[in-house]
Amino acid sequence: MSKQGIVYFVGAGPGDPKLITMRGLECLQEADCIVYDRLANPELIKHAKVDVETIFCGKLPDHHTLTQDEINAVLIEKAKEGKNVVRLKGGDPAVFGRVGEEADFCKKHGIPYEMIPGITAGIAAPLYAGIPITHREHSTSFACITGHALGTDMTDTRWQGLADSIDSLVFYMGIKNLPIIATKLVEHGKAPETPTAVIEWGTTEKQRVAVGTLGTIVQVMEEQQLKNPAIIIVGDVVGLREQLKWWENDL
């Protein structure tokens, strides 16, 4: 009987390869096969064995290298070959990373797995831009929200609760829907003057930051031509950037 493989769901971190966890790095070093996303820094693969098998399954808004069903099938196939499989996911695998679906698929097929957390971009990108997600004087709560909700108007998003109750709002995958996000928040009570930032390719050498308000951020972002991948952060903590920014100073 052949040896049973295992799948490690590893959070690659937000972009800077040095931000991966020690456990995640250990899994990479022991991997026989790495199935990796577009937002997982390919520099991390240099830590793997020379003969490691690599499979790219990156997803763009309008193009998927592999469908989700195909990714699921690859994980099972490689594990059944007796391989240590690393499913390398950008950020944290459980923050809009579909780890629940993929782990459930492994479970149903009798494949053991381990989940290794990673630093999510919604916290790391703002911090690299000099914006702490919480601050005793400005923010005692934050929420991470998908900006790529089903439907064209994001009607399923609980705008009233976000506008009323949460100090710092972080939207993932929201560039296309930024006009909707800004409009909905203002309609539900957020002041148009609320500081807002867009951070492109956070924690990497390609990082760019656009800062404005809910009322101006769409125009500012368009003028600076920021694109995906990017994080949107809304809240008073954005106002701390000018005094706390550090990443640009080190480049």
Protein backbone atom coordinates (compact mmCIF):
# COMPACT_ATOMS: atom_id res chain seq x y z
CA MET A 1 0.00 0.00 0.00
CA SER A 2 1.41 3.37 -0.99
CA LYS A 3 2.24 6.04 1.57
CA GLN A 4 -0.55 8.54 2.29
CA GLY A 5 0.29 12.16 1.58
CA ILE A 6 -0.86 15.25 3.41
CA VAL A 7 -1.96 18.76 2.43
CA TYR A 8 -0.62 21.80 4.27
CA PHE A 9 -2.66 24.95 3.81
CA VAL A 10 0.00 27.62 4.31
CA GLY A 11 -0.52 31.35 4.60
CA ALA A 12 2.18 32.99 2.49
CA GLY A 13 1.70 36.39 4.09
CA PRO A 14 0.81 39.69 2.41
CA GLY A 15 3.63 39.96 -0.16
CA ASP A 16 6.93 40.55 1.61
CA PRO A 17 8.42 37.01 1.64
CA LYS A 18 10.03 37.64 5.04
CA LEU A 19 6.59 37.77 6.64
CA ILE A 20 5.85 34.05 6.32
CA THR A 21 5.67 32.15 9.62
CA MET A 22 8.36 29.73 10.76
CA ARG A 23 5.90 26.84 10.53
CA GLY A 24 4.94 27.86 7.02
CA LEU A 25 8.59 27.94 6.03
CA GLU A 26 9.13 24.46 7.48
CA CYS A 27 6.27 23.11 5.36
CA LEU A 28 7.75 24.69 2.23
CA GLN A 29 11.12 23.11 2.92
CA GLU A 30 9.53 19.66 3.24
CA ALA A 31 7.12 19.97 0.32
CA ASP A 32 7.08 17.57 -2.63
CA CYS A 33 4.47 19.67 -4.45
CA ILE A 34 3.52 23.33 -4.09
CA VAL A 35 0.21 24.61 -5.43
CA TYR A 36 0.42 28.38 -5.25
CA ASP A 37 -1.70 31.46 -5.86
CA ARG A 38 -1.01 34.69 -7.73
CA LEU A 39 -0.63 36.64 -4.48
CA ALA A 40 1.81 34.19 -2.90
CA ASN A 41 5.28 35.62 -3.51
CA PRO A 42 7.11 33.17 -5.84
CA GLU A 43 10.34 34.02 -4.01
CA LEU A 44 9.12 31.69 -1.28
CA ILE A 45 9.51 28.68 -3.56
CA LYS A 46 13.27 29.15 -3.41
CA HIS A 47 13.10 27.67 0.10
CA ALA A 48 11.74 24.38 -1.27
CA LYS A 49 13.66 21.30 -2.43
CA VAL A 50 15.33 21.50 -5.82
CA ASP A 51 13.09 18.82 -7.30
CA VAL A 52 9.82 20.17 -5.89
CA GLU A 53 6.83 20.09 -8.24
CA THR A 54 5.17 23.50 -8.62
CA ILE A 55 1.66 24.16 -9.90
CA PHE A 56 0.45 27.73 -10.45
CA CYS A 57 -3.27 28.26 -9.93
CA GLY A 58 -3.49 32.05 -9.86
CA LYS A 59 -6.80 33.82 -10.33
CA LEU A 60 -7.40 37.15 -12.02
CA PRO A 61 -10.78 38.89 -11.93
CA ASP A 62 -11.65 37.68 -15.42
CA HIS A 63 -9.40 34.65 -15.81
CA HIS A 64 -8.66 31.57 -13.70
CA THR A 65 -5.61 29.43 -14.50
CA LEU A 66 -7.39 26.54 -12.76
CA THR A 67 -11.00 26.48 -11.64
CA GLN A 68 -11.74 25.82 -7.97
CA ASP A 69 -12.87 22.29 -8.82
CA GLU A 70 -9.60 21.69 -10.65
CA ILE A 71 -7.59 22.98 -7.70
CA ASN A 72 -9.48 20.66 -5.37
CA ALA A 73 -8.80 17.71 -7.67
CA VAL A 74 -5.07 18.50 -7.88
CA LEU A 75 -4.72 18.55 -4.09
CA ILE A 76 -6.34 15.12 -3.80
CA GLU A 77 -4.41 13.66 -6.72
CA LYS A 78 -1.00 14.74 -5.44
CA ALA A 79 -1.72 13.69 -1.85
CA LYS A 80 -2.86 10.26 -3.04
CA GLU A 81 0.50 9.95 -4.79
CA GLY A 82 2.01 10.07 -1.29
CA LYS A 83 3.32 13.63 -1.59
CA ASN A 84 3.58 16.37 1.00
CA VAL A 85 1.48 19.05 -0.70
CA VAL A 86 1.67 22.71 0.23
CA ARG A 87 -1.30 24.79 -0.82
CA LEU A 88 0.37 28.20 -0.65
CA LYS A 89 -2.15 31.01 -0.29
CA GLY A 90 -1.52 34.74 -0.22
CA GLY A 91 -2.13 36.34 3.17
CA ASP A 92 -4.01 34.10 5.59
CA PRO A 93 -5.71 31.03 4.10
CA ALA A 94 -8.91 31.66 6.07
CA VAL A 95 -9.37 35.33 5.11
CA PHE A 96 -11.19 35.17 1.76
CA GLY A 97 -8.89 32.27 0.84
CA ARG A 98 -11.39 29.41 0.47
CA VAL A 99 -9.47 27.20 2.87
CA GLY A 100 -12.72 25.95 4.36
CA GLU A 101 -13.90 24.62 1.01
CA GLU A 102 -10.58 23.03 0.14
CA ALA A 103 -10.07 21.46 3.57
CA ASP A 104 -13.60 20.07 3.48
CA PHE A 105 -12.84 18.50 0.10
CA CYS A 106 -9.72 16.87 1.56
CA LYS A 107 -11.74 15.60 4.52
CA LYS A 108 -14.33 14.00 2.26
CA HIS A 109 -11.57 12.18 0.38
CA GLY A 110 -9.75 10.97 3.47
CA ILE A 111 -6.74 13.25 3.00
CA PRO A 112 -5.14 14.57 6.21
CA TYR A 113 -4.35 18.28 6.34
CA GLU A 114 -2.92 21.03 8.50
CA MET A 115 -3.80 24.72 8.43
CA ILE A 116 -1.00 27.24 9.01
CA PRO A 117 -2.10 30.85 9.55
CA GLY A 118 -0.51 33.74 7.70
CA ILE A 119 -0.43 37.52 8.09
CA THR A 120 -3.38 38.91 6.20
CA ALA A 121 -2.99 41.89 3.86
CA GLY A 122 -5.83 43.78 5.53
CA ILE A 123 -3.66 44.30 8.60
CA ALA A 124 -0.18 44.25 7.07
CA ALA A 125 -0.66 46.56 4.08
CA PRO A 126 -2.01 49.42 6.20
CA LEU A 127 0.79 48.98 8.72
CA TYR A 128 3.44 49.14 5.97
CA ALA A 129 1.72 52.35 4.90
CA GLY A 130 1.99 53.77 8.43
CA ILE A 131 -1.65 53.09 9.27
CA PRO A 132 -2.26 50.98 12.40
CA ILE A 133 -5.62 49.25 12.08
CA THR A 134 -6.46 50.05 15.71
CA HIS A 135 -5.39 52.94 17.92
CA ARG A 136 -6.48 53.81 21.44
CA GLU A 137 -7.54 57.33 20.42
CA HIS A 138 -8.97 56.59 16.97
CA SER A 139 -10.15 53.00 16.56
CA THR A 140 -11.19 50.27 18.96
CA SER A 141 -12.75 48.01 16.32
CA PHE A 142 -12.15 46.92 12.76
CA ALA A 143 -13.84 44.74 10.16
CA CYS A 144 -12.55 42.93 7.09
CA ILE A 145 -15.06 42.92 4.25
CA THR A 146 -15.00 41.47 0.77
CA GLY A 147 -15.28 44.22 -1.81
CA HIS A 148 -16.07 41.62 -4.46
CA ALA A 149 -19.53 40.63 -3.24
CA LEU A 150 -21.95 38.83 -5.51
CA GLY A 151 -24.08 41.19 -7.55
CA THR A 152 -23.22 44.53 -9.06
CA ASP A 153 -24.44 46.70 -6.19
CA MET A 154 -23.19 44.69 -3.17
CA THR A 155 -26.75 44.58 -1.81
CA ASP A 156 -25.90 41.75 0.60
CA THR A 157 -23.36 43.90 2.47
CA ARG A 158 -24.59 45.17 5.84
CA TRP A 159 -23.84 48.81 5.18
CA GLN A 160 -25.72 50.26 8.15
CA GLY A 161 -23.83 48.20 10.69
CA LEU A 162 -20.49 48.95 9.04
CA ALA A 163 -21.17 52.68 8.91
CA ASP A 164 -22.55 52.90 12.45
CA SER A 165 -20.55 50.48 14.54
CA ILE A 166 -17.05 49.82 13.18
CA ASP A 167 -14.20 52.33 13.48
CA SER A 168 -11.86 50.94 10.79
CA LEU A 169 -13.12 49.20 7.66
CA VAL A 170 -10.84 47.15 5.42
CA PHE A 171 -12.11 46.05 2.02
CA TYR A 172 -10.40 43.29 0.07
CA MET A 173 -10.74 42.95 -3.72
CA GLY A 174 -12.71 46.18 -3.86
CA ILE A 175 -11.07 48.37 -6.52
CA LYS A 176 -13.78 47.77 -9.11
CA ASN A 177 -16.52 48.46 -6.57
CA LEU A 178 -14.86 51.41 -4.81
CA PRO A 179 -17.45 53.90 -6.13
CA ILE A 180 -20.23 51.70 -4.70
CA ILE A 181 -18.39 51.24 -1.40
CA ALA A 182 -17.83 54.97 -0.92
CA THR A 183 -21.39 55.87 -1.91
CA LYS A 184 -23.04 53.24 0.29
CA LEU A 185 -21.04 54.17 3.37
CA VAL A 186 -21.92 57.85 2.99
CA GLU A 187 -25.59 56.99 2.37
CA HIS A 188 -25.64 55.02 5.62
CA GLY A 189 -24.05 57.69 7.78
CA LYS A 190 -20.28 57.78 7.32
CA ALA A 191 -19.11 61.35 6.86
CA PRO A 192 -17.82 62.16 3.35
CA GLU A 193 -14.74 63.61 5.11
CA THR A 194 -13.81 60.21 6.61
CA PRO A 195 -10.14 59.52 5.77
CA THR A 196 -9.73 56.73 3.22
CA ALA A 197 -6.72 55.04 1.64
CA VAL A 198 -6.06 52.59 -1.17
CA ILE A 199 -2.89 50.50 -0.89
CA GLU A 200 -1.66 48.70 -4.00
CA TRP A 201 0.73 45.71 -3.69
CA GLY A 202 1.10 46.31 0.05
CA THR A 203 4.35 45.24 1.80
CA THR A 204 6.21 44.84 -1.49
CA GLU A 205 8.59 47.10 -3.42
CA LYS A 206 5.67 47.89 -5.73
CA GLN A 207 3.59 49.33 -2.89
CA ARG A 208 1.75 52.55 -3.72
CA VAL A 209 -0.67 54.46 -1.52
CA ALA A 210 -3.46 56.86 -2.44
CA VAL A 211 -5.02 58.87 0.39
CA GLY A 212 -8.21 60.91 0.32
CA THR A 213 -11.65 60.87 1.89
CA LEU A 214 -14.79 58.89 1.15
CA GLY A 215 -15.84 61.83 -0.96
CA THR A 216 -12.62 62.08 -2.98
CA ILE A 217 -10.94 58.66 -2.94
CA VAL A 218 -12.38 57.45 -6.26
CA GLN A 219 -10.96 60.48 -8.08
CA VAL A 220 -7.62 60.25 -6.24
CA MET A 221 -7.29 56.54 -7.03
CA GLU A 222 -8.11 57.09 -10.70
CA GLU A 223 -5.61 59.96 -10.95
CA GLN A 224 -2.86 57.77 -9.50
CA GLN A 225 -4.06 54.78 -11.58
CA LEU A 226 -3.95 52.27 -8.76
CA LYS A 227 -5.06 48.75 -9.66
CA ASN A 228 -5.50 45.31 -8.14
CA PRO A 229 -4.27 43.82 -5.93
CA ALA A 230 -5.15 46.50 -3.43
CA ILE A 231 -6.64 47.03 0.01
CA ILE A 232 -9.07 49.84 0.84
CA ILE A 233 -9.11 51.19 4.40
CA VAL A 234 -11.70 53.62 5.73
CA GLY A 235 -11.45 55.34 9.11
CA ASP A 236 -9.73 57.97 11.20
CA VAL A 237 -6.59 55.81 11.52
CA VAL A 238 -5.79 56.71 7.91
CA GLY A 239 -5.01 60.20 9.19
CA LEU A 240 -2.03 58.80 11.10
CA ARG A 241 -0.17 57.93 7.90
CA GLU A 242 1.66 61.24 7.51
CA GLN A 243 3.30 60.99 10.91
CA LEU A 244 3.82 57.22 11.00
CA LYS A 245 4.74 56.21 7.44
CA TRP A 246 8.07 54.39 7.28
CA TRP A 247 8.15 51.92 4.41
CA GLU A 248 8.72 54.53 1.70
CA ASN A 249 11.60 55.95 3.72
CA ASP A 250 13.41 52.61 3.64
CA LEU A 251 13.17 52.00 -0.12
